[in-house]
Protein backbone atom coordinates (compact mmCIF):
# COMPACT_ATOMS: atom_id res chain seq x y z
CA MET A 1 232.08 360.65 141.05
CA GLU A 2 231.82 364.33 141.86
CA LEU A 3 230.24 365.25 145.18
CA THR A 4 227.29 367.62 145.29
CA GLU A 5 227.53 370.80 147.36
CA GLU A 6 225.42 369.14 150.05
CA GLN A 7 227.73 366.12 150.10
CA LYS A 8 230.74 368.41 150.36
CA GLU A 9 229.18 370.02 153.43
CA TYR A 10 228.61 366.57 154.93
CA LYS A 11 232.25 365.75 154.23
CA LYS A 12 233.30 368.87 156.17
CA GLU A 13 231.03 367.85 159.03
CA LEU A 14 232.56 364.37 159.03
CA ALA A 15 236.01 365.95 159.24
CA LYS A 16 234.93 367.80 162.40
CA HIS A 17 233.77 364.54 163.99
CA LYS A 18 237.02 362.83 163.06
CA ARG A 19 239.09 365.76 164.34
CA LYS A 20 237.47 365.37 167.76
CA VAL A 21 238.57 361.73 167.91
CA ILE A 22 242.09 362.64 166.82
CA GLU A 23 242.34 365.42 169.40
CA LEU A 24 241.26 363.06 172.19
CA ALA A 25 243.74 360.43 171.01
CA GLY A 26 246.42 363.13 171.03
CA VAL A 27 245.69 363.88 174.68
CA VAL A 28 246.05 360.18 175.49
CA HIS A 29 249.31 360.10 173.56
CA ASP A 30 250.66 363.11 175.44
CA ILE A 31 249.78 361.55 178.79
CA VAL A 32 251.45 358.28 177.85
CA GLU A 33 254.55 360.04 176.56
CA ASP A 34 254.94 362.72 179.20
CA THR A 35 252.84 362.46 182.33
CA ILE A 36 251.68 358.86 182.73
CA TRP A 37 252.77 358.70 186.38
CA THR A 38 250.62 361.64 187.41
CA ASP A 39 247.82 361.78 184.85
CA TYR A 40 247.01 358.09 184.38
CA VAL A 41 243.74 358.67 186.26
CA LYS A 42 242.50 360.71 183.29
CA LEU A 43 242.78 357.77 180.88
CA PRO A 44 239.47 355.99 181.69
CA LYS A 45 237.43 359.16 181.02
CA LEU A 46 239.41 359.89 177.87
CA GLY A 47 238.78 356.33 176.72
CA GLU A 48 235.04 356.79 177.25
CA ASP A 49 235.15 360.09 175.37
CA ILE A 50 236.92 358.44 172.45
CA VAL A 51 234.34 355.64 172.32
CA LEU A 52 231.50 358.18 172.25
CA ALA A 53 233.22 360.29 169.61
CA MET A 54 233.78 357.20 167.45
CA LYS A 55 230.10 356.32 167.80
CA ASP A 56 229.32 359.78 166.44
CA VAL A 57 231.65 359.21 163.49
CA ASN A 58 230.17 355.80 162.73
CA ALA A 59 226.57 357.03 163.08
CA PHE A 60 227.36 359.89 160.69
CA LEU A 61 228.91 357.46 158.21
CA ASP A 62 225.87 355.18 158.47
CA LYS A 63 223.71 358.13 157.38
CA HIS A 64 226.14 359.12 154.62
CA PRO A 65 227.79 355.88 153.39
CA TYR A 66 229.10 357.53 150.22
CA LEU A 67 231.67 359.32 152.42
CA LYS A 68 233.35 356.06 153.48
């Protein structure tokens, strides 16, 4: 099934939401790999940010299920 132009734009928007989650996860990864002993206090906030970003992704997918 070919996506319409509008659906392609939604797919790009979804990619932006997903990229935010991936970037946050990357920060967590870097802390765990490199600076856990000094930056561990940042992990709870990062965890909350990831949960919120995932809610955005899932809400977007609920509105546009054909992108799943």
